[in-house]
Amino acid sequence: MNMKHPCEVIYYLSSQPIYGDTQGICRITGKESTGTPFHKWVRDTFTDIGSLHPGTIISNEAMFCFEEGSEYLQQKAGKDKPQRFRNYSHFVLNNEWHMKDKGQKSDMLTLLVSKPEICVIAESGQRHLLFKHKPGTWQFEDQTIYPDVDFLMYLHSLVYSLCCTFSIDEVLSGQYSQHRIIKHGASLWREAESKLKQHRGTPMFSLSLFFAKVHPI
């Protein structure tokens, strides 16, 4: 079965703009397609050469997912100027493409637990992530996470309860202010922290912290 690349899936749910008509193998998707010669498109600042396939072009499908000033994304996001693809998190659920910014984390969490076909979550907005996504996983920045909704909800409930009193930095580091421990209740803090600390530093912990301020589902 020739599974569609995430860039192809998103492209076919868009306006499908045409950037070029050069035929070849796309260095992003590894598929035969049409687009623009890769050497004319790539910049010296592109740091993900090691993630690419052999080929000669960047396809129209892939170029769309690297857009730095898209009017289509502007319209989709309801913004007043062209938007960068990498600034958003992207989900495909039931053949519908959802594009969310960091102010829409509650929507993101709802989509994530609904078992989307594509789940790419951008925290920094500085990296191109979609082309690295592997179907059946959650992509969180450069981390590939194998889905486990129950475990994520378990960690998230602990993080959320602590972040009602403590800062995200405190929960991230495990270094808590004494006066906030007293405010939270030492026994409640100790119980939550003892469960959480064994997972600190893992990709799933990082993802639960991303949703720290979102009310548990």
N, C-alpha and C. Protein backbone atom coordinates (compact mmCIF):
# COMPACT_ATOMS: atom_id res chain seq x y z
N MET A 1 0.85 -1.20 0.00
CA MET A 1 0.00 0.00 0.00
C MET A 1 0.88 1.25 0.00
N ASN A 2 0.64 2.14 -0.94
CA ASN A 2 1.42 3.37 -1.05
C ASN A 2 0.75 4.46 -0.22
N MET A 3 1.18 4.57 1.05
CA MET A 3 0.55 5.51 1.98
C MET A 3 0.92 6.94 1.61
N LYS A 4 -0.06 7.83 1.71
CA LYS A 4 0.19 9.24 1.41
C LYS A 4 1.11 9.84 2.46
N HIS A 5 2.03 10.66 1.99
CA HIS A 5 2.90 11.43 2.88
C HIS A 5 2.05 12.52 3.54
N PRO A 6 2.37 12.90 4.79
CA PRO A 6 1.59 13.97 5.46
C PRO A 6 1.48 15.25 4.64
N CYS A 7 2.54 15.61 3.91
CA CYS A 7 2.45 16.81 3.06
C CYS A 7 1.42 16.64 1.95
N GLU A 8 1.31 15.43 1.42
CA GLU A 8 0.31 15.17 0.38
C GLU A 8 -1.09 15.27 0.96
N VAL A 9 -1.29 14.71 2.16
CA VAL A 9 -2.61 14.73 2.79
C VAL A 9 -3.09 16.17 2.99
N ILE A 10 -2.22 17.00 3.58
CA ILE A 10 -2.58 18.40 3.83
C ILE A 10 -2.81 19.14 2.52
N TYR A 11 -1.94 18.94 1.55
CA TYR A 11 -2.05 19.64 0.26
C TYR A 11 -3.38 19.35 -0.41
N TYR A 12 -3.80 18.09 -0.40
CA TYR A 12 -5.04 17.73 -1.08
C TYR A 12 -6.28 18.23 -0.34
N LEU A 13 -6.09 18.70 0.91
CA LEU A 13 -7.19 19.32 1.65
C LEU A 13 -7.14 20.84 1.58
N SER A 14 -6.23 21.36 0.75
CA SER A 14 -6.05 22.81 0.60
C SER A 14 -6.53 23.25 -0.78
N SER A 15 -6.13 24.47 -1.14
CA SER A 15 -6.46 25.00 -2.47
C SER A 15 -5.56 24.44 -3.56
N GLN A 16 -4.55 23.63 -3.17
CA GLN A 16 -3.63 22.96 -4.09
C GLN A 16 -2.94 23.91 -5.06
N PRO A 17 -2.20 24.88 -4.53
CA PRO A 17 -1.49 25.82 -5.41
C PRO A 17 -0.39 25.12 -6.20
N ILE A 18 -0.11 25.65 -7.38
CA ILE A 18 0.95 25.12 -8.24
C ILE A 18 2.13 26.09 -8.21
N TYR A 19 3.29 25.60 -7.81
CA TYR A 19 4.49 26.42 -7.73
C TYR A 19 5.43 26.18 -8.91
N GLY A 20 5.36 24.99 -9.48
CA GLY A 20 6.23 24.65 -10.59
C GLY A 20 5.73 23.41 -11.31
N ASP A 21 6.31 23.14 -12.49
CA ASP A 21 5.85 22.00 -13.29
C ASP A 21 7.01 21.07 -13.69
N THR A 22 8.10 21.15 -12.95
CA THR A 22 9.24 20.26 -13.22
C THR A 22 8.96 18.88 -12.63
N GLN A 23 9.15 17.85 -13.45
CA GLN A 23 8.90 16.50 -12.98
C GLN A 23 10.15 15.92 -12.32
N GLY A 24 9.93 15.05 -11.35
CA GLY A 24 11.06 14.40 -10.68
C GLY A 24 10.62 13.74 -9.39
N ILE A 25 11.60 13.28 -8.63
CA ILE A 25 11.34 12.70 -7.32
C ILE A 25 11.51 13.79 -6.27
N CYS A 26 10.50 13.94 -5.42
CA CYS A 26 10.52 14.98 -4.39
C CYS A 26 11.46 14.57 -3.26
N ARG A 27 12.33 15.47 -2.88
CA ARG A 27 13.26 15.20 -1.80
C ARG A 27 12.58 15.18 -0.43
N ILE A 28 11.39 15.74 -0.35
CA ILE A 28 10.65 15.76 0.92
C ILE A 28 9.81 14.51 1.08
N THR A 29 9.03 14.16 0.05
CA THR A 29 8.09 13.03 0.16
C THR A 29 8.66 11.71 -0.35
N GLY A 30 9.70 11.80 -1.18
CA GLY A 30 10.24 10.59 -1.79
C GLY A 30 9.39 10.06 -2.92
N LYS A 31 8.40 10.84 -3.34
CA LYS A 31 7.46 10.40 -4.38
C LYS A 31 7.73 11.12 -5.70
N GLU A 32 7.35 10.47 -6.80
CA GLU A 32 7.41 11.12 -8.11
C GLU A 32 6.27 12.12 -8.20
N SER A 33 6.60 13.33 -8.62
CA SER A 33 5.59 14.39 -8.66
C SER A 33 6.08 15.51 -9.56
N THR A 34 5.43 16.67 -9.46
CA THR A 34 5.88 17.87 -10.17
C THR A 34 6.05 18.99 -9.16
N GLY A 35 6.98 19.89 -9.48
CA GLY A 35 7.25 20.99 -8.57
C GLY A 35 8.35 21.88 -9.08
N THR A 36 9.31 22.18 -8.21
CA THR A 36 10.40 23.11 -8.50
C THR A 36 11.74 22.40 -8.24
N PRO A 37 12.75 22.63 -9.08
CA PRO A 37 14.07 22.04 -8.79
C PRO A 37 14.50 22.36 -7.36
N PHE A 38 14.92 21.33 -6.66
CA PHE A 38 15.22 21.48 -5.23
C PHE A 38 16.32 22.51 -5.01
N HIS A 39 17.33 22.52 -5.85
CA HIS A 39 18.46 23.43 -5.64
C HIS A 39 18.07 24.89 -5.80
N LYS A 40 16.98 25.14 -6.54
CA LYS A 40 16.51 26.52 -6.69
C LYS A 40 15.68 26.97 -5.49
N TRP A 41 15.15 26.01 -4.78
CA TRP A 41 14.28 26.32 -3.64
C TRP A 41 15.03 26.36 -2.31
N VAL A 42 15.94 25.41 -2.10
CA VAL A 42 16.56 25.25 -0.79
C VAL A 42 17.48 26.43 -0.47
N ARG A 43 17.54 26.80 0.81
CA ARG A 43 18.40 27.88 1.28
C ARG A 43 19.54 27.30 2.11
N ASP A 44 20.57 28.11 2.27
CA ASP A 44 21.71 27.68 3.08
C ASP A 44 21.31 27.45 4.54
N THR A 45 20.22 28.07 4.96
CA THR A 45 19.78 27.95 6.35
C THR A 45 18.99 26.68 6.61
N PHE A 46 18.70 25.91 5.57
CA PHE A 46 17.94 24.67 5.73
C PHE A 46 18.83 23.64 6.43
N THR A 47 18.42 23.18 7.60
CA THR A 47 19.28 22.32 8.42
C THR A 47 18.83 20.87 8.49
N ASP A 48 17.82 20.51 7.71
CA ASP A 48 17.27 19.15 7.81
C ASP A 48 17.60 18.29 6.60
N ILE A 49 18.74 18.54 5.97
CA ILE A 49 19.14 17.77 4.79
C ILE A 49 19.18 16.27 5.11
N GLY A 50 19.59 15.93 6.32
CA GLY A 50 19.68 14.53 6.71
C GLY A 50 18.34 13.81 6.76
N SER A 51 17.24 14.55 6.76
CA SER A 51 15.90 13.96 6.82
C SER A 51 15.29 13.76 5.44
N LEU A 52 16.03 14.11 4.38
CA LEU A 52 15.47 14.10 3.03
C LEU A 52 15.72 12.80 2.28
N HIS A 53 14.92 12.62 1.23
CA HIS A 53 15.06 11.48 0.32
C HIS A 53 15.95 11.88 -0.86
N PRO A 54 16.52 10.90 -1.55
CA PRO A 54 17.18 11.21 -2.82
C PRO A 54 16.16 11.76 -3.80
N GLY A 55 16.53 12.74 -4.60
CA GLY A 55 15.61 13.30 -5.56
C GLY A 55 16.14 14.58 -6.17
N THR A 56 15.31 15.20 -7.00
CA THR A 56 15.76 16.38 -7.72
C THR A 56 14.86 17.60 -7.55
N ILE A 57 13.64 17.39 -7.02
CA ILE A 57 12.69 18.50 -6.91
C ILE A 57 12.13 18.59 -5.49
N ILE A 58 11.46 19.71 -5.23
CA ILE A 58 10.53 19.77 -4.11
C ILE A 58 9.15 19.88 -4.75
N SER A 59 8.28 18.97 -4.41
CA SER A 59 6.97 18.90 -5.07
C SER A 59 6.07 20.04 -4.63
N ASN A 60 5.04 20.27 -5.42
CA ASN A 60 4.03 21.27 -5.05
C ASN A 60 3.40 20.93 -3.70
N GLU A 61 3.21 19.63 -3.46
CA GLU A 61 2.61 19.19 -2.20
C GLU A 61 3.48 19.60 -1.02
N ALA A 62 4.79 19.38 -1.17
CA ALA A 62 5.71 19.71 -0.08
C ALA A 62 5.90 21.22 0.08
N MET A 63 6.03 21.91 -1.03
CA MET A 63 6.25 23.37 -0.96
C MET A 63 5.14 24.07 -0.19
N PHE A 64 3.92 23.60 -0.37
CA PHE A 64 2.80 24.20 0.34
C PHE A 64 3.01 24.14 1.85
N CYS A 65 3.59 23.02 2.31
CA CYS A 65 3.76 22.80 3.74
C CYS A 65 5.01 23.48 4.30
N PHE A 66 5.73 24.19 3.45
CA PHE A 66 6.87 25.00 3.88
C PHE A 66 6.60 26.50 3.66
N GLU A 67 5.37 26.84 3.34
CA GLU A 67 5.02 28.22 3.03
C GLU A 67 5.41 29.19 4.16
N GLU A 68 6.03 30.29 3.78
CA GLU A 68 6.42 31.33 4.73
C GLU A 68 5.54 32.57 4.63
N GLY A 69 4.65 32.59 3.65
CA GLY A 69 3.77 33.74 3.49
C GLY A 69 2.56 33.37 2.66
N SER A 70 1.68 32.55 3.24
CA SER A 70 0.55 31.98 2.50
C SER A 70 -0.74 32.77 2.72
N GLU A 71 -1.32 33.21 1.62
CA GLU A 71 -2.62 33.88 1.71
C GLU A 71 -3.72 32.89 2.03
N TYR A 72 -3.54 31.64 1.60
CA TYR A 72 -4.53 30.61 1.92
C TYR A 72 -4.57 30.38 3.43
N LEU A 73 -3.40 30.28 4.05
CA LEU A 73 -3.34 30.11 5.50
C LEU A 73 -3.87 31.34 6.22
N GLN A 74 -3.61 32.51 5.65
CA GLN A 74 -4.14 33.76 6.21
C GLN A 74 -5.66 33.69 6.30
N GLN A 75 -6.27 33.24 5.21
CA GLN A 75 -7.74 33.13 5.18
C GLN A 75 -8.23 32.06 6.14
N LYS A 76 -7.53 30.94 6.16
CA LYS A 76 -7.94 29.82 7.03
C LYS A 76 -7.85 30.20 8.50
N ALA A 77 -6.82 30.99 8.85
CA ALA A 77 -6.62 31.39 10.24
C ALA A 77 -7.39 32.66 10.61
N GLY A 78 -7.94 33.35 9.62
CA GLY A 78 -8.66 34.58 9.88
C GLY A 78 -7.76 35.73 10.31
N LYS A 79 -6.55 35.78 9.72
CA LYS A 79 -5.58 36.81 10.06
C LYS A 79 -5.56 37.93 9.02
N ASP A 80 -4.80 38.99 9.33
CA ASP A 80 -4.78 40.16 8.44
C ASP A 80 -3.55 40.19 7.53
N LYS A 81 -2.72 39.15 7.58
CA LYS A 81 -1.57 39.09 6.69
C LYS A 81 -1.20 37.63 6.41
N PRO A 82 -0.44 37.37 5.34
CA PRO A 82 -0.04 35.99 5.02
C PRO A 82 0.67 35.31 6.19
N GLN A 83 0.42 34.01 6.32
CA GLN A 83 0.89 33.26 7.48
C GLN A 83 1.96 32.22 7.13
N ARG A 84 2.77 31.87 8.15
CA ARG A 84 3.78 30.83 8.02
C ARG A 84 3.20 29.50 8.47
N PHE A 85 3.42 28.49 7.67
CA PHE A 85 2.90 27.16 7.99
C PHE A 85 3.47 26.66 9.31
N ARG A 86 4.75 26.90 9.55
CA ARG A 86 5.43 26.35 10.72
C ARG A 86 5.00 26.99 12.04
N ASN A 87 4.27 28.08 11.98
CA ASN A 87 3.80 28.73 13.20
C ASN A 87 2.59 28.04 13.82
N TYR A 88 2.04 27.07 13.11
CA TYR A 88 0.80 26.43 13.54
C TYR A 88 0.98 24.94 13.81
N SER A 89 0.08 24.41 14.63
CA SER A 89 -0.03 22.97 14.82
C SER A 89 -1.09 22.47 13.83
N HIS A 90 -0.88 21.26 13.35
CA HIS A 90 -1.75 20.74 12.29
C HIS A 90 -2.27 19.35 12.63
N PHE A 91 -3.58 19.20 12.44
CA PHE A 91 -4.25 17.94 12.71
C PHE A 91 -5.14 17.59 11.52
N VAL A 92 -5.22 16.32 11.20
CA VAL A 92 -6.21 15.85 10.24
C VAL A 92 -7.03 14.77 10.93
N LEU A 93 -8.32 15.03 11.01
CA LEU A 93 -9.25 14.11 11.67
C LEU A 93 -10.47 13.93 10.77
N ASN A 94 -10.77 12.69 10.44
CA ASN A 94 -11.91 12.39 9.57
C ASN A 94 -11.85 13.19 8.26
N ASN A 95 -10.65 13.23 7.69
CA ASN A 95 -10.42 13.89 6.41
C ASN A 95 -10.68 15.40 6.46
N GLU A 96 -10.54 15.98 7.63
CA GLU A 96 -10.67 17.44 7.79
C GLU A 96 -9.40 17.99 8.42
N TRP A 97 -8.86 19.03 7.84
CA TRP A 97 -7.62 19.64 8.30
C TRP A 97 -7.92 20.75 9.28
N HIS A 98 -7.33 20.64 10.48
CA HIS A 98 -7.47 21.65 11.52
C HIS A 98 -6.12 22.31 11.76
N MET A 99 -6.07 23.61 11.73
CA MET A 99 -4.85 24.38 11.93
C MET A 99 -5.04 25.25 13.17
N LYS A 100 -4.18 25.07 14.19
CA LYS A 100 -4.37 25.74 15.47
C LYS A 100 -3.12 26.51 15.89
N ASP A 101 -3.33 27.66 16.53
CA ASP A 101 -2.20 28.40 17.09
C ASP A 101 -2.09 28.11 18.58
N LYS A 102 -1.07 28.67 19.23
CA LYS A 102 -0.80 28.32 20.63
C LYS A 102 -1.87 28.82 21.59
N GLY A 103 -2.73 29.71 21.12
CA GLY A 103 -3.84 30.16 21.94
C GLY A 103 -5.03 29.21 21.90
N GLN A 104 -4.90 28.14 21.14
CA GLN A 104 -6.01 27.19 20.97
C GLN A 104 -5.63 25.80 21.49
N LYS A 105 -4.94 25.77 22.60
CA LYS A 105 -4.46 24.49 23.14
C LYS A 105 -5.60 23.57 23.58
N SER A 106 -6.69 24.15 24.04
CA SER A 106 -7.83 23.31 24.43
C SER A 106 -8.37 22.55 23.22
N ASP A 107 -8.47 23.25 22.09
CA ASP A 107 -8.90 22.59 20.85
C ASP A 107 -7.89 21.51 20.44
N MET A 108 -6.61 21.82 20.59
CA MET A 108 -5.57 20.85 20.22
C MET A 108 -5.71 19.57 21.03
N LEU A 109 -5.91 19.71 22.34
CA LEU A 109 -6.00 18.53 23.20
C LEU A 109 -7.21 17.69 22.83
N THR A 110 -8.31 18.35 22.52
CA THR A 110 -9.51 17.62 22.10
C THR A 110 -9.25 16.85 20.81
N LEU A 111 -8.56 17.48 19.87
CA LEU A 111 -8.23 16.80 18.62
C LEU A 111 -7.26 15.64 18.86
N LEU A 112 -6.28 15.87 19.71
CA LEU A 112 -5.26 14.85 19.97
C LEU A 112 -5.87 13.56 20.53
N VAL A 113 -6.79 13.69 21.46
CA VAL A 113 -7.37 12.49 22.08
C VAL A 113 -8.42 11.84 21.18
N SER A 114 -8.75 12.49 20.07
CA SER A 114 -9.75 11.93 19.13
C SER A 114 -9.12 11.03 18.08
N LYS A 115 -7.84 10.70 18.26
CA LYS A 115 -7.10 9.80 17.38
C LYS A 115 -7.04 10.32 15.94
N PRO A 116 -6.41 11.48 15.75
CA PRO A 116 -6.28 12.05 14.40
C PRO A 116 -5.32 11.25 13.54
N GLU A 117 -5.52 11.34 12.23
CA GLU A 117 -4.60 10.68 11.30
C GLU A 117 -3.26 11.40 11.26
N ILE A 118 -3.30 12.71 11.41
CA ILE A 118 -2.09 13.54 11.48
C ILE A 118 -2.16 14.39 12.73
N CYS A 119 -1.05 14.41 13.47
CA CYS A 119 -0.99 15.19 14.71
C CYS A 119 0.41 15.78 14.81
N VAL A 120 0.54 17.06 14.49
CA VAL A 120 1.84 17.74 14.51
C VAL A 120 1.69 19.00 15.36
N ILE A 121 2.36 19.03 16.50
CA ILE A 121 2.20 20.11 17.46
C ILE A 121 3.48 20.95 17.50
N ALA A 122 3.32 22.23 17.18
CA ALA A 122 4.45 23.16 17.16
C ALA A 122 4.45 23.98 18.44
N GLU A 123 5.58 23.99 19.13
CA GLU A 123 5.72 24.81 20.33
C GLU A 123 6.49 26.08 20.03
N SER A 124 7.60 25.97 19.36
CA SER A 124 8.46 27.14 19.11
C SER A 124 8.03 27.95 17.88
N GLY A 125 7.44 27.27 16.89
CA GLY A 125 7.12 27.95 15.64
C GLY A 125 8.33 28.20 14.78
N GLN A 126 9.47 27.64 15.16
CA GLN A 126 10.72 27.88 14.45
C GLN A 126 11.13 26.73 13.53
N ARG A 127 10.46 25.59 13.64
CA ARG A 127 10.88 24.41 12.89
C ARG A 127 9.79 23.96 11.91
N HIS A 128 10.25 23.42 10.80
CA HIS A 128 9.34 22.75 9.87
C HIS A 128 9.18 21.32 10.35
N LEU A 129 7.96 20.95 10.71
CA LEU A 129 7.74 19.67 11.38
C LEU A 129 6.92 18.67 10.58
N LEU A 130 5.99 19.13 9.78
CA LEU A 130 5.04 18.21 9.17
C LEU A 130 5.73 17.14 8.32
N PHE A 131 6.78 17.52 7.59
CA PHE A 131 7.40 16.56 6.69
C PHE A 131 8.11 15.44 7.44
N LYS A 132 8.36 15.63 8.75
CA LYS A 132 9.00 14.60 9.57
C LYS A 132 7.98 13.66 10.22
N HIS A 133 6.72 14.01 10.14
CA HIS A 133 5.69 13.27 10.86
C HIS A 133 5.50 11.86 10.30
N LYS A 134 5.39 10.91 11.22
CA LYS A 134 5.13 9.52 10.85
C LYS A 134 3.69 9.18 11.20
N PRO A 135 2.89 8.75 10.22
CA PRO A 135 1.49 8.41 10.51
C PRO A 135 1.40 7.42 11.66
N GLY A 136 0.41 7.65 12.52
CA GLY A 136 0.24 6.78 13.67
C GLY A 136 0.99 7.24 14.90
N THR A 137 1.64 8.41 14.82
CA THR A 137 2.36 8.96 15.98
C THR A 137 1.87 10.38 16.25
N TRP A 138 2.32 10.92 17.37
CA TRP A 138 2.16 12.34 17.66
C TRP A 138 3.52 13.00 17.47
N GLN A 139 3.56 14.07 16.68
CA GLN A 139 4.80 14.82 16.50
C GLN A 139 4.73 16.06 17.38
N PHE A 140 5.64 16.15 18.35
CA PHE A 140 5.69 17.32 19.23
C PHE A 140 7.07 17.94 19.09
N GLU A 141 7.13 19.06 18.37
CA GLU A 141 8.41 19.62 17.95
C GLU A 141 9.20 18.51 17.25
N ASP A 142 10.44 18.25 17.64
CA ASP A 142 11.23 17.21 16.98
C ASP A 142 11.07 15.84 17.63
N GLN A 143 10.16 15.73 18.58
CA GLN A 143 9.97 14.46 19.28
C GLN A 143 8.82 13.66 18.67
N THR A 144 9.08 12.40 18.41
CA THR A 144 8.05 11.48 17.94
C THR A 144 7.53 10.70 19.13
N ILE A 145 6.22 10.77 19.37
CA ILE A 145 5.60 10.14 20.53
C ILE A 145 4.59 9.11 20.06
N TYR A 146 4.68 7.91 20.59
CA TYR A 146 3.69 6.89 20.23
C TYR A 146 2.45 7.08 21.11
N PRO A 147 1.30 7.22 20.46
CA PRO A 147 0.08 7.62 21.18
C PRO A 147 -0.30 6.70 22.33
N ASP A 148 -0.62 7.31 23.45
CA ASP A 148 -1.17 6.62 24.61
C ASP A 148 -2.02 7.65 25.34
N VAL A 149 -3.28 7.72 24.94
CA VAL A 149 -4.17 8.76 25.46
C VAL A 149 -4.34 8.65 26.97
N ASP A 150 -4.52 7.43 27.46
CA ASP A 150 -4.74 7.25 28.90
C ASP A 150 -3.53 7.72 29.71
N PHE A 151 -2.34 7.40 29.24
CA PHE A 151 -1.13 7.81 29.96
C PHE A 151 -0.95 9.32 29.91
N LEU A 152 -1.21 9.91 28.74
CA LEU A 152 -1.11 11.37 28.64
C LEU A 152 -2.10 12.04 29.58
N MET A 153 -3.32 11.54 29.63
CA MET A 153 -4.32 12.13 30.51
C MET A 153 -3.93 11.98 31.99
N TYR A 154 -3.28 10.88 32.32
CA TYR A 154 -2.79 10.67 33.69
C TYR A 154 -1.73 11.72 34.04
N LEU A 155 -0.73 11.87 33.18
CA LEU A 155 0.32 12.87 33.42
C LEU A 155 -0.26 14.28 33.42
N HIS A 156 -1.15 14.52 32.48
CA HIS A 156 -1.72 15.86 32.36
C HIS A 156 -2.50 16.25 33.61
N SER A 157 -3.21 15.31 34.20
CA SER A 157 -3.98 15.62 35.41
C SER A 157 -3.06 16.00 36.56
N LEU A 158 -1.91 15.33 36.65
CA LEU A 158 -0.93 15.67 37.68
C LEU A 158 -0.32 17.04 37.44
N VAL A 159 0.08 17.29 36.19
CA VAL A 159 0.68 18.58 35.83
C VAL A 159 -0.32 19.71 36.05
N TYR A 160 -1.54 19.51 35.62
CA TYR A 160 -2.57 20.55 35.75
C TYR A 160 -2.81 20.89 37.22
N SER A 161 -2.89 19.86 38.07
CA SER A 161 -3.15 20.10 39.50
C SER A 161 -2.01 20.90 40.12
N LEU A 162 -0.77 20.62 39.74
CA LEU A 162 0.36 21.35 40.29
C LEU A 162 0.44 22.77 39.74
N CYS A 163 0.12 22.93 38.46
CA CYS A 163 0.22 24.25 37.82
C CYS A 163 -0.87 25.21 38.26
N CYS A 164 -1.83 24.72 39.05
CA CYS A 164 -2.82 25.62 39.64
C CYS A 164 -2.17 26.46 40.75
N THR A 165 -1.04 25.96 41.27
CA THR A 165 -0.32 26.68 42.34
C THR A 165 1.09 27.08 41.91
N PHE A 166 1.78 26.15 41.25
CA PHE A 166 3.18 26.36 40.90
C PHE A 166 3.33 26.85 39.47
N SER A 167 4.48 27.42 39.17
CA SER A 167 4.76 27.85 37.80
C SER A 167 5.13 26.64 36.95
N ILE A 168 5.00 26.82 35.64
CA ILE A 168 5.40 25.75 34.72
C ILE A 168 6.88 25.44 34.86
N ASP A 169 7.69 26.46 35.08
CA ASP A 169 9.13 26.25 35.25
C ASP A 169 9.44 25.40 36.48
N GLU A 170 8.66 25.60 37.54
CA GLU A 170 8.87 24.79 38.75
C GLU A 170 8.54 23.32 38.49
N VAL A 171 7.43 23.08 37.80
CA VAL A 171 7.03 21.70 37.51
C VAL A 171 8.02 21.07 36.53
N LEU A 172 8.50 21.86 35.59
CA LEU A 172 9.48 21.37 34.62
C LEU A 172 10.78 20.95 35.30
N SER A 173 11.26 21.77 36.22
CA SER A 173 12.56 21.53 36.85
C SER A 173 12.49 20.61 38.07
N GLY A 174 11.32 20.57 38.72
CA GLY A 174 11.21 19.83 39.97
C GLY A 174 11.73 20.62 41.16
N GLN A 175 12.05 21.90 40.94
CA GLN A 175 12.52 22.79 42.01
C GLN A 175 11.37 23.73 42.39
N TYR A 176 10.78 23.48 43.54
CA TYR A 176 9.56 24.20 43.95
C TYR A 176 9.85 25.21 45.06
N SER A 177 9.16 26.33 45.00
CA SER A 177 9.26 27.34 46.06
C SER A 177 8.58 26.83 47.33
N GLN A 178 9.25 27.00 48.45
CA GLN A 178 8.73 26.50 49.72
C GLN A 178 7.38 27.11 50.07
N HIS A 179 7.24 28.41 49.83
CA HIS A 179 5.98 29.05 50.21
C HIS A 179 4.81 28.56 49.37
N ARG A 180 5.10 28.15 48.12
CA ARG A 180 4.01 27.61 47.29
C ARG A 180 3.69 26.17 47.66
N ILE A 181 4.68 25.44 48.14
CA ILE A 181 4.41 24.09 48.65
C ILE A 181 3.43 24.17 49.83
N ILE A 182 3.66 25.12 50.72
CA ILE A 182 2.77 25.33 51.87
C ILE A 182 1.38 25.73 51.39
N LYS A 183 1.35 26.64 50.42
CA LYS A 183 0.05 27.09 49.89
C LYS A 183 -0.72 25.95 49.24
N HIS A 184 -0.01 25.10 48.49
CA HIS A 184 -0.66 23.99 47.78
C HIS A 184 -1.10 22.90 48.75
N GLY A 185 -0.35 22.76 49.82
CA GLY A 185 -0.56 21.65 50.75
C GLY A 185 0.55 20.64 50.55
N ALA A 186 1.40 20.50 51.56
CA ALA A 186 2.59 19.67 51.41
C ALA A 186 2.28 18.23 51.03
N SER A 187 1.24 17.66 51.64
CA SER A 187 0.92 16.25 51.36
C SER A 187 0.41 16.08 49.94
N LEU A 188 -0.42 17.02 49.47
CA LEU A 188 -0.92 16.95 48.09
C LEU A 188 0.22 17.13 47.10
N TRP A 189 1.11 18.09 47.37
CA TRP A 189 2.27 18.30 46.50
C TRP A 189 3.16 17.07 46.45
N ARG A 190 3.43 16.49 47.63
CA ARG A 190 4.33 15.33 47.70
C ARG A 190 3.76 14.14 46.93
N GLU A 191 2.46 13.95 47.05
CA GLU A 191 1.82 12.82 46.36
C GLU A 191 1.90 12.99 44.84
N ALA A 192 1.59 14.19 44.34
CA ALA A 192 1.62 14.44 42.90
C ALA A 192 3.04 14.39 42.37
N GLU A 193 3.97 15.02 43.07
CA GLU A 193 5.36 15.08 42.62
C GLU A 193 6.00 13.69 42.62
N SER A 194 5.67 12.85 43.59
CA SER A 194 6.25 11.51 43.64
C SER A 194 5.83 10.67 42.44
N LYS A 195 4.63 10.92 41.93
CA LYS A 195 4.14 10.21 40.75
C LYS A 195 4.72 10.79 39.46
N LEU A 196 4.93 12.10 39.48
CA LEU A 196 5.36 12.80 38.27
C LEU A 196 6.85 12.70 38.02
N LYS A 197 7.64 12.69 39.08
CA LYS A 197 9.09 12.85 38.92
C LYS A 197 9.74 11.73 38.11
N GLN A 198 9.18 10.53 38.16
CA GLN A 198 9.78 9.42 37.42
C GLN A 198 9.63 9.57 35.91
N HIS A 199 8.75 10.50 35.48
CA HIS A 199 8.52 10.71 34.05
C HIS A 199 9.11 12.03 33.55
N ARG A 200 9.65 12.81 34.47
CA ARG A 200 10.21 14.12 34.09
C ARG A 200 11.33 13.92 33.06
N GLY A 201 11.29 14.72 32.00
CA GLY A 201 12.30 14.63 30.96
C GLY A 201 11.92 13.75 29.79
N THR A 202 10.82 13.01 29.90
CA THR A 202 10.37 12.16 28.80
C THR A 202 9.54 12.98 27.81
N PRO A 203 9.42 12.54 26.56
CA PRO A 203 8.59 13.26 25.59
C PRO A 203 7.14 13.42 26.05
N MET A 204 6.58 12.39 26.69
CA MET A 204 5.19 12.49 27.13
C MET A 204 5.04 13.51 28.25
N PHE A 205 6.04 13.61 29.11
CA PHE A 205 6.03 14.65 30.15
C PHE A 205 6.05 16.03 29.50
N SER A 206 6.91 16.21 28.50
CA SER A 206 6.99 17.50 27.80
C SER A 206 5.66 17.86 27.16
N LEU A 207 4.99 16.87 26.58
CA LEU A 207 3.69 17.12 25.95
C LEU A 207 2.64 17.49 26.99
N SER A 208 2.64 16.79 28.12
CA SER A 208 1.67 17.11 29.18
C SER A 208 1.90 18.52 29.71
N LEU A 209 3.16 18.95 29.75
CA LEU A 209 3.48 20.29 30.23
C LEU A 209 3.03 21.35 29.23
N PHE A 210 3.07 21.01 27.94
CA PHE A 210 2.59 21.93 26.90
C PHE A 210 1.11 22.26 27.15
N PHE A 211 0.36 21.27 27.64
CA PHE A 211 -1.07 21.46 27.91
C PHE A 211 -1.36 21.79 29.38
N ALA A 212 -0.34 22.28 30.09
CA ALA A 212 -0.45 22.44 31.56
C ALA A 212 -1.64 23.29 32.00
N LYS A 213 -1.98 24.30 31.23
CA LYS A 213 -3.04 25.22 31.63
C LYS A 213 -4.41 24.85 31.05
N VAL A 214 -4.47 23.75 30.34
CA VAL A 214 -5.73 23.30 29.73
C VAL A 214 -6.47 22.41 30.71
N HIS A 215 -7.72 22.71 30.96
CA HIS A 215 -8.52 21.89 31.90
C HIS A 215 -8.60 20.47 31.39
N PRO A 216 -8.35 19.48 32.28
CA PRO A 216 -8.41 18.08 31.85
C PRO A 216 -9.74 17.72 31.21
N ILE A 217 -9.66 16.89 30.20
CA ILE A 217 -10.86 16.44 29.49
C ILE A 217 -11.55 15.35 30.30
